[in-house]
Amino acid sequence: MFGRGSKLPISDEERQWVNRAFERLSALLGKARMLDAEVVLPIPKHFPDPYAATEDCLRRLLLRICEYMDVDRGRIDLEVFPDHVTQLREILPFWRGASGGCAGLYLRANDQSRMVIAVKDSQLKDPLALVATLAHELGHVILLGGELIDRSAPDMEPFTDVLTVFLGLGVFSANTAARFEQHGGGGRQGWSMKRLGYLSEEMYGYALAKFGRERGEDQPEWAKYLSTNVKFFYKRSQSWFSSS
């Protein structure tokens, strides 16, 4: 489908940024973390627990993702908050935090004693996006909580998205990067799109192709779980790697 000289789905500037992100993560965490990472998929093997939109299920889900990302669950408090972030800040005025996109927050006590991951109540109804959100916020625990990067860095959020790919959660992050929703009412009907996270589907496609290439995976089993759009960008990036 894609011959020699296949064009990347991202700009050269974006390609170089993703490459540098992988290099930075390898320096910060060790390349072995990526090479040895188990790619987590939306299958019973990785998520065997029945899921319902409850806080108990959310806590079990967080524990499982902590295990996949090698994060100490005991360091983290979990909160569910109404969809308006300002309400959370009124409830927890003594926390300072960084937004984890449109769906979650990472916060830390001023005395550095505890960390909080907080997710919107509406996220509990969308388990795939919930996994992506929790993975992103746990990325903050690793990078910000571990004082590996400065929270003021201009690319801190997209860098955290790349971390989810680096540690094997990229299928979830990529597949929920863009979500289409049908809506209707008053005799009208239509579609809308919302974006979760900070990387585009095109950038995820390239990042996943680089992830596979770094691990020596030419035809990884996990690629079949990518959404249609992401898989298209992933294959274009794979073809580019093969021809470059």
C-alpha atoms as a PDB file:
ATOM      1  CA  MET A   1       0.000   0.000   0.000  1.00  0.00           C
ATOM      2  CA  PHE A   2       2.877   2.349   0.833  1.00  0.00           C
ATOM      3  CA  GLY A   3       5.921   2.145  -1.399  1.00  0.00           C
ATOM      4  CA  ARG A   4       9.395   3.537  -1.083  1.00  0.00           C
ATOM      5  CA  GLY A   5       9.568   7.182  -0.190  1.00  0.00           C
ATOM      6  CA  SER A   6       6.355   6.991   1.840  1.00  0.00           C
ATOM      7  CA  LYS A   7       5.566  10.315   3.425  1.00  0.00           C
ATOM      8  CA  LEU A   8       5.329  10.583   7.174  1.00  0.00           C
ATOM      9  CA  PRO A   9       1.941  11.666   8.591  1.00  0.00           C
ATOM     10  CA  ILE A  10       3.695  14.292  10.741  1.00  0.00           C
ATOM     11  CA  SER A  11       6.058  17.181  10.093  1.00  0.00           C
ATOM     12  CA  ASP A  12       9.816  16.768  10.359  1.00  0.00           C
ATOM     13  CA  GLU A  13       9.772  19.055  13.397  1.00  0.00           C
ATOM     14  CA  GLU A  14       7.250  16.766  15.101  1.00  0.00           C
ATOM     15  CA  ARG A  15       9.284  13.696  14.132  1.00  0.00           C
ATOM     16  CA  GLN A  16      12.409  15.152  15.696  1.00  0.00           C
ATOM     17  CA  TRP A  17      10.520  16.103  18.848  1.00  0.00           C
ATOM     18  CA  VAL A  18       9.152  12.548  19.275  1.00  0.00           C
ATOM     19  CA  ASN A  19      12.628  11.111  18.686  1.00  0.00           C
ATOM     20  CA  ARG A  20      14.092  13.422  21.322  1.00  0.00           C
ATOM     21  CA  ALA A  21      11.296  12.466  23.719  1.00  0.00           C
ATOM     22  CA  PHE A  22      12.247   8.794  23.391  1.00  0.00           C
ATOM     23  CA  GLU A  23      15.906   9.681  23.957  1.00  0.00           C
ATOM     24  CA  ARG A  24      15.050  11.761  27.022  1.00  0.00           C
ATOM     25  CA  LEU A  25      12.899   9.001  28.493  1.00  0.00           C
ATOM     26  CA  SER A  26      15.639   6.452  27.878  1.00  0.00           C
ATOM     27  CA  ALA A  27      18.078   8.713  29.746  1.00  0.00           C
ATOM     28  CA  LEU A  28      15.648   9.372  32.614  1.00  0.00           C
ATOM     29  CA  LEU A  29      14.188   5.888  33.101  1.00  0.00           C
ATOM     30  CA  GLY A  30      16.555   3.580  31.255  1.00  0.00           C
ATOM     31  CA  LYS A  31      15.880   2.138  27.828  1.00  0.00           C
ATOM     32  CA  ALA A  32      15.239  -1.257  29.408  1.00  0.00           C
ATOM     33  CA  ARG A  33      11.936   0.099  30.774  1.00  0.00           C
ATOM     34  CA  MET A  34      10.726   0.419  27.191  1.00  0.00           C
ATOM     35  CA  LEU A  35      12.286  -2.770  25.860  1.00  0.00           C
ATOM     36  CA  ASP A  36      10.860  -4.864  28.703  1.00  0.00           C
ATOM     37  CA  ALA A  37       7.457  -3.159  28.894  1.00  0.00           C
ATOM     38  CA  GLU A  38       4.418  -5.349  28.416  1.00  0.00           C
ATOM     39  CA  VAL A  39       2.096  -3.739  25.892  1.00  0.00           C
ATOM     40  CA  VAL A  40      -1.215  -3.395  27.696  1.00  0.00           C
ATOM     41  CA  LEU A  41      -4.315  -4.126  25.625  1.00  0.00           C
ATOM     42  CA  PRO A  42      -8.105  -3.930  26.112  1.00  0.00           C
ATOM     43  CA  ILE A  43      -8.356  -7.701  26.649  1.00  0.00           C
ATOM     44  CA  PRO A  44      -9.354  -9.880  29.628  1.00  0.00           C
ATOM     45  CA  LYS A  45      -5.736 -10.953  30.163  1.00  0.00           C
ATOM     46  CA  HIS A  46      -4.809  -7.401  31.129  1.00  0.00           C
ATOM     47  CA  PHE A  47      -8.122  -6.314  32.646  1.00  0.00           C
ATOM     48  CA  PRO A  48      -9.825  -9.434  34.030  1.00  0.00           C
ATOM     49  CA  ASP A  49     -12.005  -7.623  36.577  1.00  0.00           C
ATOM     50  CA  PRO A  50     -15.633  -6.867  35.648  1.00  0.00           C
ATOM     51  CA  TYR A  51     -16.044  -3.135  35.205  1.00  0.00           C
ATOM     52  CA  ALA A  52     -18.879  -0.859  36.273  1.00  0.00           C
ATOM     53  CA  ALA A  53     -18.847   2.916  36.563  1.00  0.00           C
ATOM     54  CA  THR A  54     -18.159   2.870  40.311  1.00  0.00           C
ATOM     55  CA  GLU A  55     -15.366   4.203  42.474  1.00  0.00           C
ATOM     56  CA  ASP A  56     -14.537   0.671  43.662  1.00  0.00           C
ATOM     57  CA  CYS A  57     -13.917  -0.414  40.070  1.00  0.00           C
ATOM     58  CA  LEU A  58     -11.908   2.757  39.489  1.00  0.00           C
ATOM     59  CA  ARG A  59      -9.636   1.927  42.423  1.00  0.00           C
ATOM     60  CA  ARG A  60      -9.061  -1.618  41.180  1.00  0.00           C
ATOM     61  CA  LEU A  61      -8.302  -0.231  37.733  1.00  0.00           C
ATOM     62  CA  LEU A  62      -5.779   2.238  39.138  1.00  0.00           C
ATOM     63  CA  LEU A  63      -4.037  -0.513  41.093  1.00  0.00           C
ATOM     64  CA  ARG A  64      -3.668  -2.631  37.963  1.00  0.00           C
ATOM     65  CA  ILE A  65      -2.277   0.250  35.882  1.00  0.00           C
ATOM     66  CA  CYS A  66       0.141   1.133  38.702  1.00  0.00           C
ATOM     67  CA  GLU A  67       1.481  -2.410  38.443  1.00  0.00           C
ATOM     68  CA  TYR A  68       1.904  -2.110  34.666  1.00  0.00           C
ATOM     69  CA  MET A  69       3.712   1.226  34.971  1.00  0.00           C
ATOM     70  CA  ASP A  70       5.745   0.232  38.052  1.00  0.00           C
ATOM     71  CA  VAL A  71       4.303   2.946  40.282  1.00  0.00           C
ATOM     72  CA  ASP A  72       3.859   2.522  44.038  1.00  0.00           C
ATOM     73  CA  ARG A  73       0.091   2.693  44.642  1.00  0.00           C
ATOM     74  CA  GLY A  74       0.721   3.443  48.315  1.00  0.00           C
ATOM     75  CA  ARG A  75       2.038   6.906  47.419  1.00  0.00           C
ATOM     76  CA  ILE A  76      -1.181   7.964  45.714  1.00  0.00           C
ATOM     77  CA  ASP A  77      -4.616   9.128  46.816  1.00  0.00           C
ATOM     78  CA  LEU A  78      -7.461   8.850  44.309  1.00  0.00           C
ATOM     79  CA  GLU A  79     -10.282  11.376  43.969  1.00  0.00           C
ATOM     80  CA  VAL A  80     -13.316  11.694  41.716  1.00  0.00           C
ATOM     81  CA  PHE A  81     -14.478  15.223  41.030  1.00  0.00           C
ATOM     82  CA  PRO A  82     -17.294  16.976  39.184  1.00  0.00           C
ATOM     83  CA  ASP A  83     -16.537  17.972  35.619  1.00  0.00           C
ATOM     84  CA  HIS A  84     -15.694  21.564  36.544  1.00  0.00           C
ATOM     85  CA  VAL A  85     -12.092  21.701  37.751  1.00  0.00           C
ATOM     86  CA  THR A  86     -12.756  24.811  39.817  1.00  0.00           C
ATOM     87  CA  GLN A  87     -14.923  22.740  42.142  1.00  0.00           C
ATOM     88  CA  LEU A  88     -11.982  20.472  42.907  1.00  0.00           C
ATOM     89  CA  ARG A  89      -9.808  23.448  43.764  1.00  0.00           C
ATOM     90  CA  GLU A  90     -12.461  24.644  46.179  1.00  0.00           C
ATOM     91  CA  ILE A  91     -12.542  21.212  47.838  1.00  0.00           C
ATOM     92  CA  LEU A  92      -8.752  20.815  47.991  1.00  0.00           C
ATOM     93  CA  PRO A  93      -7.349  24.362  48.238  1.00  0.00           C
ATOM     94  CA  PHE A  94      -4.067  23.197  49.792  1.00  0.00           C
ATOM     95  CA  TRP A  95      -3.049  21.132  46.789  1.00  0.00           C
ATOM     96  CA  ARG A  96      -1.126  22.413  43.808  1.00  0.00           C
ATOM     97  CA  GLY A  97      -1.456  20.545  40.576  1.00  0.00           C
ATOM     98  CA  ALA A  98      -1.029  20.225  36.848  1.00  0.00           C
ATOM     99  CA  SER A  99      -3.806  19.490  34.426  1.00  0.00           C
ATOM    100  CA  GLY A 100      -3.693  16.094  32.788  1.00  0.00           C
ATOM    101  CA  GLY A 101      -5.783  17.150  29.833  1.00  0.00           C
ATOM    102  CA  CYS A 102      -9.547  17.461  29.779  1.00  0.00           C
ATOM    103  CA  ALA A 103     -10.243  14.438  31.963  1.00  0.00           C
ATOM    104  CA  GLY A 104      -7.910  14.287  34.955  1.00  0.00           C
ATOM    105  CA  LEU A 105      -5.559  16.076  37.321  1.00  0.00           C
ATOM    106  CA  TYR A 106      -2.322  15.340  39.101  1.00  0.00           C
ATOM    107  CA  LEU A 107      -1.879  17.158  42.395  1.00  0.00           C
ATOM    108  CA  ARG A 108       0.698  17.183  45.154  1.00  0.00           C
ATOM    109  CA  ALA A 109       0.617  18.388  48.733  1.00  0.00           C
ATOM    110  CA  ASN A 110       2.569  21.556  49.407  1.00  0.00           C
ATOM    111  CA  ASP A 111       4.707  19.616  51.899  1.00  0.00           C
ATOM    112  CA  GLN A 112       5.396  16.970  49.197  1.00  0.00           C
ATOM    113  CA  SER A 113       4.041  14.211  51.463  1.00  0.00           C
ATOM    114  CA  ARG A 114       1.304  12.832  49.214  1.00  0.00           C
ATOM    115  CA  MET A 115       0.224  12.778  45.580  1.00  0.00           C
ATOM    116  CA  VAL A 116      -3.329  12.777  44.263  1.00  0.00           C
ATOM    117  CA  ILE A 117      -4.729  11.561  40.976  1.00  0.00           C
ATOM    118  CA  ALA A 118      -8.175  12.992  40.318  1.00  0.00           C
ATOM    119  CA  VAL A 119     -10.512  12.082  37.463  1.00  0.00           C
ATOM    120  CA  LYS A 120     -13.773  13.538  36.285  1.00  0.00           C
ATOM    121  CA  ASP A 121     -16.919  11.738  37.320  1.00  0.00           C
ATOM    122  CA  SER A 122     -17.994  11.474  33.682  1.00  0.00           C
ATOM    123  CA  GLN A 123     -14.829   9.514  32.873  1.00  0.00           C
ATOM    124  CA  LEU A 124     -16.096   6.530  34.840  1.00  0.00           C
ATOM    125  CA  LYS A 125     -18.594   5.836  32.046  1.00  0.00           C
ATOM    126  CA  ASP A 126     -15.822   5.440  29.443  1.00  0.00           C
ATOM    127  CA  PRO A 127     -13.372   2.745  30.635  1.00  0.00           C
ATOM    128  CA  LEU A 128     -11.057   2.985  27.610  1.00  0.00           C
ATOM    129  CA  ALA A 129     -10.602   6.723  28.053  1.00  0.00           C
ATOM    130  CA  LEU A 130     -10.353   6.178  31.801  1.00  0.00           C
ATOM    131  CA  VAL A 131      -7.353   3.864  31.339  1.00  0.00           C
ATOM    132  CA  ALA A 132      -5.705   6.476  29.103  1.00  0.00           C
ATOM    133  CA  THR A 133      -6.373   9.227  31.650  1.00  0.00           C
ATOM    134  CA  LEU A 134      -5.033   7.190  34.574  1.00  0.00           C
ATOM    135  CA  ALA A 135      -1.930   6.261  32.568  1.00  0.00           C
ATOM    136  CA  HIS A 136      -1.288   9.934  31.791  1.00  0.00           C
ATOM    137  CA  GLU A 137      -1.713  10.977  35.415  1.00  0.00           C
ATOM    138  CA  LEU A 138       0.564   8.165  36.577  1.00  0.00           C
ATOM    139  CA  GLY A 139       3.027   9.540  34.062  1.00  0.00           C
ATOM    140  CA  HIS A 140       2.911  12.760  36.090  1.00  0.00           C
ATOM    141  CA  VAL A 141       3.590  10.740  39.227  1.00  0.00           C
ATOM    142  CA  ILE A 142       6.695   9.271  37.565  1.00  0.00           C
ATOM    143  CA  LEU A 143       7.997  12.458  35.964  1.00  0.00           C
ATOM    144  CA  LEU A 144       6.816  15.252  38.264  1.00  0.00           C
ATOM    145  CA  GLY A 145       6.568  13.260  41.473  1.00  0.00           C
ATOM    146  CA  GLY A 146      10.004  11.842  40.818  1.00  0.00           C
ATOM    147  CA  GLU A 147      11.306  15.348  40.022  1.00  0.00           C
ATOM    148  CA  LEU A 148      12.622  14.121  36.680  1.00  0.00           C
ATOM    149  CA  ILE A 149      11.264  17.094  34.724  1.00  0.00           C
ATOM    150  CA  ASP A 150      10.199  20.643  35.501  1.00  0.00           C
ATOM    151  CA  ARG A 151       6.436  21.173  35.595  1.00  0.00           C
ATOM    152  CA  SER A 152       6.980  24.498  33.810  1.00  0.00           C
ATOM    153  CA  ALA A 153       8.556  22.818  30.764  1.00  0.00           C
ATOM    154  CA  PRO A 154       6.510  23.886  27.714  1.00  0.00           C
ATOM    155  CA  ASP A 155       6.247  20.309  26.407  1.00  0.00           C
ATOM    156  CA  MET A 156       5.630  18.654  29.765  1.00  0.00           C
ATOM    157  CA  GLU A 157       2.123  17.414  28.897  1.00  0.00           C
ATOM    158  CA  PRO A 158       2.820  15.939  25.428  1.00  0.00           C
ATOM    159  CA  PHE A 159       6.061  14.483  26.823  1.00  0.00           C
ATOM    160  CA  THR A 160       3.930  12.692  29.420  1.00  0.00           C
ATOM    161  CA  ASP A 161       1.756  11.308  26.613  1.00  0.00           C
ATOM    162  CA  VAL A 162       4.880   9.864  24.966  1.00  0.00           C
ATOM    163  CA  LEU A 163       5.740   8.269  28.301  1.00  0.00           C
ATOM    164  CA  THR A 164       2.532   6.222  28.112  1.00  0.00           C
ATOM    165  CA  VAL A 165       3.745   4.825  24.773  1.00  0.00           C
ATOM    166  CA  PHE A 166       7.239   4.233  26.184  1.00  0.00           C
ATOM    167  CA  LEU A 167       5.796   2.174  29.070  1.00  0.00           C
ATOM    168  CA  GLY A 168       3.340   0.102  27.029  1.00  0.00           C
ATOM    169  CA  LEU A 169       0.035   1.967  27.491  1.00  0.00           C
ATOM    170  CA  GLY A 170       0.140   3.647  24.085  1.00  0.00           C
ATOM    171  CA  VAL A 171      -2.704   1.669  22.531  1.00  0.00           C
ATOM    172  CA  PHE A 172      -5.138   3.230  25.000  1.00  0.00           C
ATOM    173  CA  SER A 173      -3.673   6.731  24.748  1.00  0.00           C
ATOM    174  CA  ALA A 174      -3.655   6.653  20.944  1.00  0.00           C
ATOM    175  CA  ASN A 175      -7.116   5.145  20.515  1.00  0.00           C
ATOM    176  CA  THR A 176      -8.703   7.799  22.732  1.00  0.00           C
ATOM    177  CA  ALA A 177      -6.793  10.768  21.309  1.00  0.00           C
ATOM    178  CA  ALA A 178      -9.901  11.726  19.322  1.00  0.00           C
ATOM    179  CA  ARG A 179     -13.418  10.627  20.248  1.00  0.00           C
ATOM    180  CA  PHE A 180     -16.484  11.128  18.067  1.00  0.00           C
ATOM    181  CA  GLU A 181     -19.852  11.522  19.750  1.00  0.00           C
ATOM    182  CA  GLN A 182     -23.343  11.535  18.354  1.00  0.00           C
ATOM    183  CA  HIS A 183     -25.774  14.040  19.795  1.00  0.00           C
ATOM    184  CA  GLY A 184     -29.333  15.033  19.153  1.00  0.00           C
ATOM    185  CA  GLY A 185     -32.361  16.784  20.529  1.00  0.00           C
ATOM    186  CA  GLY A 186     -35.023  19.226  19.502  1.00  0.00           C
ATOM    187  CA  GLY A 187     -35.401  17.526  16.140  1.00  0.00           C
ATOM    188  CA  ARG A 188     -31.692  17.926  15.377  1.00  0.00           C
ATOM    189  CA  GLN A 189     -28.931  15.375  15.240  1.00  0.00           C
ATOM    190  CA  GLY A 190     -25.223  15.590  14.587  1.00  0.00           C
ATOM    191  CA  TRP A 191     -21.699  14.612  15.525  1.00  0.00           C
ATOM    192  CA  SER A 192     -18.982  16.254  17.550  1.00  0.00           C
ATOM    193  CA  MET A 193     -15.391  15.402  18.340  1.00  0.00           C
ATOM    194  CA  LYS A 194     -13.482  15.838  21.563  1.00  0.00           C
ATOM    195  CA  ARG A 195      -9.780  15.402  22.106  1.00  0.00           C
ATOM    196  CA  LEU A 196      -8.263  13.593  25.053  1.00  0.00           C
ATOM    197  CA  GLY A 197      -4.604  14.220  25.781  1.00  0.00           C
ATOM    198  CA  TYR A 198      -2.044  16.330  23.975  1.00  0.00           C
ATOM    199  CA  LEU A 199      -0.756  14.311  21.016  1.00  0.00           C
ATOM    200  CA  SER A 200      -2.623  13.976  17.733  1.00  0.00           C
ATOM    201  CA  GLU A 201      -3.503  10.602  16.233  1.00  0.00           C
ATOM    202  CA  GLU A 202      -0.796  11.222  13.624  1.00  0.00           C
ATOM    203  CA  MET A 203       1.862  11.737  16.289  1.00  0.00           C
ATOM    204  CA  TYR A 204       0.711   8.670  18.170  1.00  0.00           C
ATOM    205  CA  GLY A 205       0.949   6.670  14.947  1.00  0.00           C
ATOM    206  CA  TYR A 206       4.571   7.714  14.537  1.00  0.00           C
ATOM    207  CA  ALA A 207       5.411   7.260  18.233  1.00  0.00           C
ATOM    208  CA  LEU A 208       3.986   3.719  18.209  1.00  0.00           C
ATOM    209  CA  ALA A 209       5.919   2.880  15.039  1.00  0.00           C
ATOM    210  CA  LYS A 210       9.111   4.119  16.681  1.00  0.00           C
ATOM    211  CA  PHE A 211       8.272   2.156  19.831  1.00  0.00           C
ATOM    212  CA  GLY A 212       7.916  -1.014  17.761  1.00  0.00           C
ATOM    213  CA  ARG A 213      11.068  -0.325  15.777  1.00  0.00           C
ATOM    214  CA  GLU A 214      13.122   0.269  18.924  1.00  0.00           C
ATOM    215  CA  ARG A 215      11.885  -3.071  20.270  1.00  0.00           C
ATOM    216  CA  GLY A 216      12.569  -4.920  17.001  1.00  0.00           C
ATOM    217  CA  GLU A 217       8.854  -5.583  16.389  1.00  0.00           C
ATOM    218  CA  ASP A 218       8.112  -5.556  12.660  1.00  0.00           C
ATOM    219  CA  GLN A 219       4.605  -6.998  12.913  1.00  0.00           C
ATOM    220  CA  PRO A 220       3.582  -6.739  16.553  1.00  0.00           C
ATOM    221  CA  GLU A 221       0.407  -8.455  17.662  1.00  0.00           C
ATOM    222  CA  TRP A 222      -0.664  -5.326  19.522  1.00  0.00           C
ATOM    223  CA  ALA A 223      -0.964  -3.287  16.298  1.00  0.00           C
ATOM    224  CA  LYS A 224      -4.271  -4.969  15.438  1.00  0.00           C
ATOM    225  CA  TYR A 225      -5.840  -3.293  18.462  1.00  0.00           C
ATOM    226  CA  LEU A 226      -5.196   0.211  17.139  1.00  0.00           C
ATOM    227  CA  SER A 227      -8.153   2.252  15.947  1.00  0.00           C
ATOM    228  CA  THR A 228      -8.622   2.701  12.196  1.00  0.00           C
ATOM    229  CA  ASN A 229      -7.121   6.186  12.072  1.00  0.00           C
ATOM    230  CA  VAL A 230      -4.178   5.453  14.343  1.00  0.00           C
ATOM    231  CA  LYS A 231      -3.410   2.204  12.503  1.00  0.00           C
ATOM    232  CA  PHE A 232      -3.311   4.099   9.203  1.00  0.00           C
ATOM    233  CA  PHE A 233      -0.797   6.622  10.576  1.00  0.00           C
ATOM    234  CA  TYR A 234       1.132   3.834  12.284  1.00  0.00           C
ATOM    235  CA  LYS A 235       1.496   1.885   9.020  1.00  0.00           C
ATOM    236  CA  ARG A 236       2.546   4.987   7.098  1.00  0.00           C
ATOM    237  CA  SER A 237       5.209   5.623   9.724  1.00  0.00           C
ATOM    238  CA  GLN A 238       6.323   2.001   9.620  1.00  0.00           C
ATOM    239  CA  SER A 239       6.684   2.231   5.850  1.00  0.00           C
ATOM    240  CA  TRP A 240       8.708   5.418   6.201  1.00  0.00           C
ATOM    241  CA  PHE A 241      11.068   3.707   8.637  1.00  0.00           C
ATOM    242  CA  SER A 242      11.489   0.787   6.240  1.00  0.00           C
ATOM    243  CA  SER A 243      12.327   3.046   3.308  1.00  0.00           C
ATOM    244  CA  SER A 244      14.525   5.558   5.128  1.00  0.00           C
END
